Amino acid sequence: MTLAAIDAGATDVGSPEGGAILVVTAPPDLEPVRSAMAAAGFPADSADLSMEPTTRVEISDEKAARQVIAFVDRLEELEDVQNVYANFDLPDALMEQLEASVA
């Protein structure tokens, strides 16, 4: 399946979680790759465009992490906002600490 995806024009193939396969393409290649994968016997459960950052910013300060999360939450609550995309990463330990303080 990986070879079929790459031959069709995919830039990356991975398995993030739950047994799913994630095939990454450039936006113009989405439909051709989806069609080629289906023709090769690998029909997609879903094929969507998404915004993925090319660079990520790691936030390791708890105060800054709280502020960023609060800002993103406020953006998501706005009626006119359909999607919110971000390029920050929080270390797992910090995320667990933030979740524990909320609970």
N, C-alpha and C. Protein backbone atom coordinates (compact mmCIF):
# COMPACT_ATOMS: atom_id res chain seq x y z
N MET A 1 0.82 -1.18 0.00
CA MET A 1 0.00 0.00 0.00
C MET A 1 0.87 1.25 0.00
N THR A 2 1.95 1.24 0.77
CA THR A 2 2.85 2.38 0.81
C THR A 2 3.43 2.66 -0.56
N LEU A 3 3.86 1.62 -1.25
CA LEU A 3 4.43 1.80 -2.59
C LEU A 3 3.40 2.35 -3.55
N ALA A 4 2.15 1.86 -3.47
CA ALA A 4 1.08 2.37 -4.34
C ALA A 4 0.83 3.85 -4.08
N ALA A 5 0.86 4.26 -2.82
CA ALA A 5 0.64 5.66 -2.47
C ALA A 5 1.77 6.54 -2.99
N ILE A 6 2.99 6.10 -2.80
CA ILE A 6 4.14 6.89 -3.26
C ILE A 6 4.17 6.96 -4.78
N ASP A 7 3.88 5.84 -5.44
CA ASP A 7 3.82 5.84 -6.91
C ASP A 7 2.73 6.78 -7.42
N ALA A 8 1.68 6.96 -6.64
CA ALA A 8 0.57 7.83 -7.05
C ALA A 8 0.88 9.31 -6.81
N GLY A 9 1.95 9.60 -6.07
CA GLY A 9 2.32 10.99 -5.83
C GLY A 9 2.28 11.43 -4.39
N ALA A 10 2.04 10.51 -3.45
CA ALA A 10 2.02 10.87 -2.04
C ALA A 10 3.40 11.30 -1.58
N THR A 11 3.47 12.24 -0.66
CA THR A 11 4.75 12.70 -0.13
C THR A 11 5.13 11.97 1.14
N ASP A 12 4.14 11.36 1.83
CA ASP A 12 4.42 10.64 3.07
C ASP A 12 3.29 9.66 3.34
N VAL A 13 3.64 8.54 3.98
CA VAL A 13 2.65 7.54 4.39
C VAL A 13 3.01 7.14 5.81
N GLY A 14 2.03 7.14 6.69
CA GLY A 14 2.28 6.77 8.08
C GLY A 14 1.05 6.16 8.70
N SER A 15 1.22 5.64 9.92
CA SER A 15 0.09 5.07 10.65
C SER A 15 0.06 5.70 12.04
N PRO A 16 -0.67 6.83 12.18
CA PRO A 16 -0.66 7.58 13.43
C PRO A 16 -1.26 6.85 14.62
N GLU A 17 -2.43 6.23 14.47
CA GLU A 17 -3.08 5.56 15.60
C GLU A 17 -4.31 4.80 15.14
N GLY A 18 -4.73 3.86 15.92
CA GLY A 18 -5.98 3.16 15.66
C GLY A 18 -6.00 2.33 14.40
N GLY A 19 -4.84 1.96 13.88
CA GLY A 19 -4.80 1.13 12.69
C GLY A 19 -5.06 1.87 11.40
N ALA A 20 -5.28 3.17 11.46
CA ALA A 20 -5.51 3.97 10.26
C ALA A 20 -4.18 4.21 9.54
N ILE A 21 -4.27 4.45 8.26
CA ILE A 21 -3.11 4.82 7.46
C ILE A 21 -3.31 6.26 7.00
N LEU A 22 -2.32 7.08 7.21
CA LEU A 22 -2.37 8.49 6.84
C LEU A 22 -1.48 8.69 5.62
N VAL A 23 -2.08 9.14 4.53
CA VAL A 23 -1.35 9.41 3.30
C VAL A 23 -1.34 10.92 3.10
N VAL A 24 -0.14 11.50 2.97
CA VAL A 24 0.01 12.94 2.84
C VAL A 24 0.40 13.27 1.40
N THR A 25 -0.29 14.27 0.85
CA THR A 25 0.00 14.73 -0.51
C THR A 25 -0.05 16.26 -0.54
N ALA A 26 0.44 16.82 -1.62
CA ALA A 26 0.25 18.25 -1.86
C ALA A 26 -1.21 18.44 -2.24
N PRO A 27 -1.81 19.59 -1.94
CA PRO A 27 -3.24 19.79 -2.24
C PRO A 27 -3.66 19.44 -3.68
N PRO A 28 -2.90 19.82 -4.70
CA PRO A 28 -3.35 19.49 -6.06
C PRO A 28 -3.33 17.98 -6.36
N ASP A 29 -2.57 17.23 -5.56
CA ASP A 29 -2.44 15.79 -5.79
C ASP A 29 -3.46 14.96 -5.01
N LEU A 30 -4.30 15.60 -4.20
CA LEU A 30 -5.23 14.86 -3.35
C LEU A 30 -6.12 13.92 -4.16
N GLU A 31 -6.83 14.43 -5.13
CA GLU A 31 -7.77 13.60 -5.90
C GLU A 31 -7.05 12.56 -6.75
N PRO A 32 -5.97 12.90 -7.45
CA PRO A 32 -5.27 11.86 -8.21
C PRO A 32 -4.73 10.73 -7.32
N VAL A 33 -4.21 11.07 -6.15
CA VAL A 33 -3.70 10.03 -5.24
C VAL A 33 -4.85 9.20 -4.70
N ARG A 34 -5.96 9.85 -4.31
CA ARG A 34 -7.12 9.11 -3.82
C ARG A 34 -7.63 8.15 -4.88
N SER A 35 -7.74 8.60 -6.12
CA SER A 35 -8.22 7.76 -7.22
C SER A 35 -7.27 6.60 -7.49
N ALA A 36 -5.98 6.87 -7.50
CA ALA A 36 -4.99 5.82 -7.75
C ALA A 36 -5.00 4.78 -6.64
N MET A 37 -5.16 5.23 -5.41
CA MET A 37 -5.21 4.30 -4.27
C MET A 37 -6.45 3.42 -4.37
N ALA A 38 -7.59 4.00 -4.74
CA ALA A 38 -8.82 3.21 -4.90
C ALA A 38 -8.66 2.19 -6.02
N ALA A 39 -8.04 2.61 -7.13
CA ALA A 39 -7.83 1.70 -8.26
C ALA A 39 -6.88 0.56 -7.89
N ALA A 40 -5.97 0.82 -6.95
CA ALA A 40 -5.02 -0.20 -6.51
C ALA A 40 -5.62 -1.10 -5.43
N GLY A 41 -6.89 -0.88 -5.08
CA GLY A 41 -7.55 -1.71 -4.08
C GLY A 41 -7.49 -1.19 -2.66
N PHE A 42 -7.16 0.09 -2.51
CA PHE A 42 -7.07 0.70 -1.19
C PHE A 42 -7.98 1.93 -1.13
N PRO A 43 -9.30 1.74 -1.11
CA PRO A 43 -10.19 2.90 -1.07
C PRO A 43 -10.07 3.65 0.26
N ALA A 44 -10.19 4.97 0.20
CA ALA A 44 -10.06 5.81 1.39
C ALA A 44 -11.38 5.89 2.15
N ASP A 45 -11.30 5.84 3.47
CA ASP A 45 -12.47 6.11 4.30
C ASP A 45 -12.81 7.59 4.26
N SER A 46 -11.77 8.42 4.16
CA SER A 46 -11.97 9.86 4.01
C SER A 46 -10.75 10.44 3.32
N ALA A 47 -10.97 11.54 2.62
CA ALA A 47 -9.88 12.26 1.95
C ALA A 47 -10.17 13.74 2.10
N ASP A 48 -9.42 14.39 2.96
CA ASP A 48 -9.68 15.79 3.29
C ASP A 48 -8.40 16.61 3.20
N LEU A 49 -8.58 17.88 2.88
CA LEU A 49 -7.48 18.82 2.95
C LEU A 49 -7.35 19.30 4.38
N SER A 50 -6.13 19.46 4.85
CA SER A 50 -5.92 20.01 6.18
C SER A 50 -4.69 20.91 6.14
N MET A 51 -4.64 21.82 7.07
CA MET A 51 -3.51 22.73 7.17
C MET A 51 -2.50 22.11 8.14
N GLU A 52 -1.32 21.84 7.64
CA GLU A 52 -0.26 21.27 8.46
C GLU A 52 0.92 22.23 8.48
N PRO A 53 1.45 22.54 9.66
CA PRO A 53 2.56 23.48 9.72
C PRO A 53 3.85 22.88 9.16
N THR A 54 4.66 23.73 8.56
CA THR A 54 5.97 23.28 8.09
C THR A 54 7.02 23.45 9.18
N THR A 55 6.76 24.33 10.12
CA THR A 55 7.63 24.48 11.29
C THR A 55 6.76 24.48 12.53
N ARG A 56 7.31 24.00 13.61
CA ARG A 56 6.58 23.95 14.88
C ARG A 56 7.35 24.72 15.94
N VAL A 57 6.61 25.28 16.89
CA VAL A 57 7.20 26.02 18.00
C VAL A 57 6.88 25.25 19.27
N GLU A 58 7.93 24.85 20.00
CA GLU A 58 7.70 24.13 21.24
C GLU A 58 7.53 25.13 22.38
N ILE A 59 6.49 24.92 23.15
CA ILE A 59 6.22 25.78 24.31
C ILE A 59 6.46 24.94 25.55
N SER A 60 7.46 25.32 26.32
CA SER A 60 7.80 24.54 27.51
C SER A 60 7.50 25.29 28.80
N ASP A 61 7.13 26.55 28.70
CA ASP A 61 6.80 27.36 29.87
C ASP A 61 5.31 27.18 30.19
N GLU A 62 4.99 26.84 31.43
CA GLU A 62 3.60 26.58 31.81
C GLU A 62 2.71 27.80 31.62
N LYS A 63 3.18 28.97 32.00
CA LYS A 63 2.36 30.18 31.86
C LYS A 63 2.06 30.46 30.39
N ALA A 64 3.08 30.36 29.55
CA ALA A 64 2.88 30.60 28.12
C ALA A 64 1.94 29.55 27.52
N ALA A 65 2.07 28.31 27.96
CA ALA A 65 1.20 27.24 27.46
C ALA A 65 -0.26 27.52 27.83
N ARG A 66 -0.49 27.94 29.07
CA ARG A 66 -1.86 28.28 29.49
C ARG A 66 -2.43 29.42 28.64
N GLN A 67 -1.62 30.42 28.36
CA GLN A 67 -2.07 31.56 27.57
C GLN A 67 -2.40 31.14 26.13
N VAL A 68 -1.56 30.31 25.55
CA VAL A 68 -1.80 29.86 24.17
C VAL A 68 -3.06 29.02 24.10
N ILE A 69 -3.23 28.12 25.04
CA ILE A 69 -4.42 27.26 25.05
C ILE A 69 -5.68 28.10 25.26
N ALA A 70 -5.61 29.07 26.16
CA ALA A 70 -6.77 29.95 26.39
C ALA A 70 -7.09 30.75 25.13
N PHE A 71 -6.07 31.23 24.43
CA PHE A 71 -6.29 31.99 23.21
C PHE A 71 -6.95 31.12 22.13
N VAL A 72 -6.45 29.91 21.95
CA VAL A 72 -7.03 29.00 20.96
C VAL A 72 -8.47 28.66 21.34
N ASP A 73 -8.73 28.44 22.62
CA ASP A 73 -10.11 28.16 23.07
C ASP A 73 -11.04 29.33 22.75
N ARG A 74 -10.57 30.55 22.98
CA ARG A 74 -11.39 31.72 22.67
C ARG A 74 -11.66 31.84 21.18
N LEU A 75 -10.65 31.55 20.37
CA LEU A 75 -10.84 31.59 18.92
C LEU A 75 -11.89 30.57 18.48
N GLU A 76 -11.81 29.36 19.03
CA GLU A 76 -12.75 28.30 18.65
C GLU A 76 -14.18 28.62 19.06
N GLU A 77 -14.36 29.44 20.10
CA GLU A 77 -15.70 29.80 20.56
C GLU A 77 -16.37 30.87 19.71
N LEU A 78 -15.60 31.58 18.89
CA LEU A 78 -16.17 32.62 18.05
C LEU A 78 -17.10 32.03 17.01
N GLU A 79 -18.24 32.62 16.85
CA GLU A 79 -19.27 32.12 15.95
C GLU A 79 -18.81 32.07 14.49
N ASP A 80 -18.05 33.05 14.07
CA ASP A 80 -17.63 33.13 12.67
C ASP A 80 -16.40 32.29 12.34
N VAL A 81 -15.78 31.69 13.34
CA VAL A 81 -14.57 30.89 13.11
C VAL A 81 -14.97 29.44 12.87
N GLN A 82 -14.54 28.92 11.72
CA GLN A 82 -14.87 27.53 11.38
C GLN A 82 -13.78 26.56 11.80
N ASN A 83 -12.51 26.93 11.60
CA ASN A 83 -11.38 26.07 11.94
C ASN A 83 -10.28 26.92 12.55
N VAL A 84 -9.53 26.33 13.47
CA VAL A 84 -8.38 26.99 14.05
C VAL A 84 -7.17 26.07 13.83
N TYR A 85 -6.12 26.63 13.26
CA TYR A 85 -4.89 25.88 13.02
C TYR A 85 -3.78 26.51 13.83
N ALA A 86 -2.87 25.70 14.35
CA ALA A 86 -1.77 26.22 15.15
C ALA A 86 -0.51 25.41 14.88
N ASN A 87 0.63 25.99 15.18
CA ASN A 87 1.89 25.30 14.96
C ASN A 87 2.69 25.15 16.25
N PHE A 88 2.02 25.05 17.38
CA PHE A 88 2.75 24.89 18.64
C PHE A 88 2.69 23.44 19.11
N ASP A 89 3.73 23.05 19.82
CA ASP A 89 3.82 21.73 20.43
C ASP A 89 4.02 21.92 21.92
N LEU A 90 3.30 21.13 22.68
CA LEU A 90 3.49 21.11 24.13
C LEU A 90 4.09 19.76 24.50
N PRO A 91 5.18 19.74 25.27
CA PRO A 91 5.74 18.46 25.70
C PRO A 91 4.68 17.66 26.48
N ASP A 92 4.73 16.34 26.38
CA ASP A 92 3.74 15.48 27.03
C ASP A 92 3.66 15.74 28.53
N ALA A 93 4.81 15.93 29.18
CA ALA A 93 4.82 16.16 30.63
C ALA A 93 4.07 17.45 30.97
N LEU A 94 4.28 18.50 30.19
CA LEU A 94 3.58 19.76 30.44
C LEU A 94 2.09 19.61 30.18
N MET A 95 1.73 18.90 29.13
CA MET A 95 0.31 18.68 28.83
C MET A 95 -0.38 17.93 29.96
N GLU A 96 0.29 16.89 30.49
CA GLU A 96 -0.26 16.14 31.62
C GLU A 96 -0.41 17.04 32.84
N GLN A 97 0.55 17.90 33.06
CA GLN A 97 0.50 18.83 34.20
C GLN A 97 -0.68 19.79 34.06
N LEU A 98 -0.90 20.31 32.85
CA LEU A 98 -2.01 21.22 32.62
C LEU A 98 -3.34 20.51 32.78
N GLU A 99 -3.43 19.28 32.26
CA GLU A 99 -4.68 18.52 32.40
C GLU A 99 -4.97 18.19 33.85
N ALA A 100 -3.93 17.89 34.62
CA ALA A 100 -4.12 17.56 36.04
C ALA A 100 -4.61 18.78 36.81
N SER A 101 -4.14 19.95 36.44
CA SER A 101 -4.54 21.16 37.18
C SER A 101 -5.97 21.56 36.85
N VAL A 102 -6.48 21.14 35.70
CA VAL A 102 -7.85 21.45 35.31
C VAL A 102 -8.82 20.50 35.99
N ALA A 103 -8.43 19.27 36.15
CA ALA A 103 -9.31 18.24 36.72
C ALA A 103 -9.54 18.41 38.19
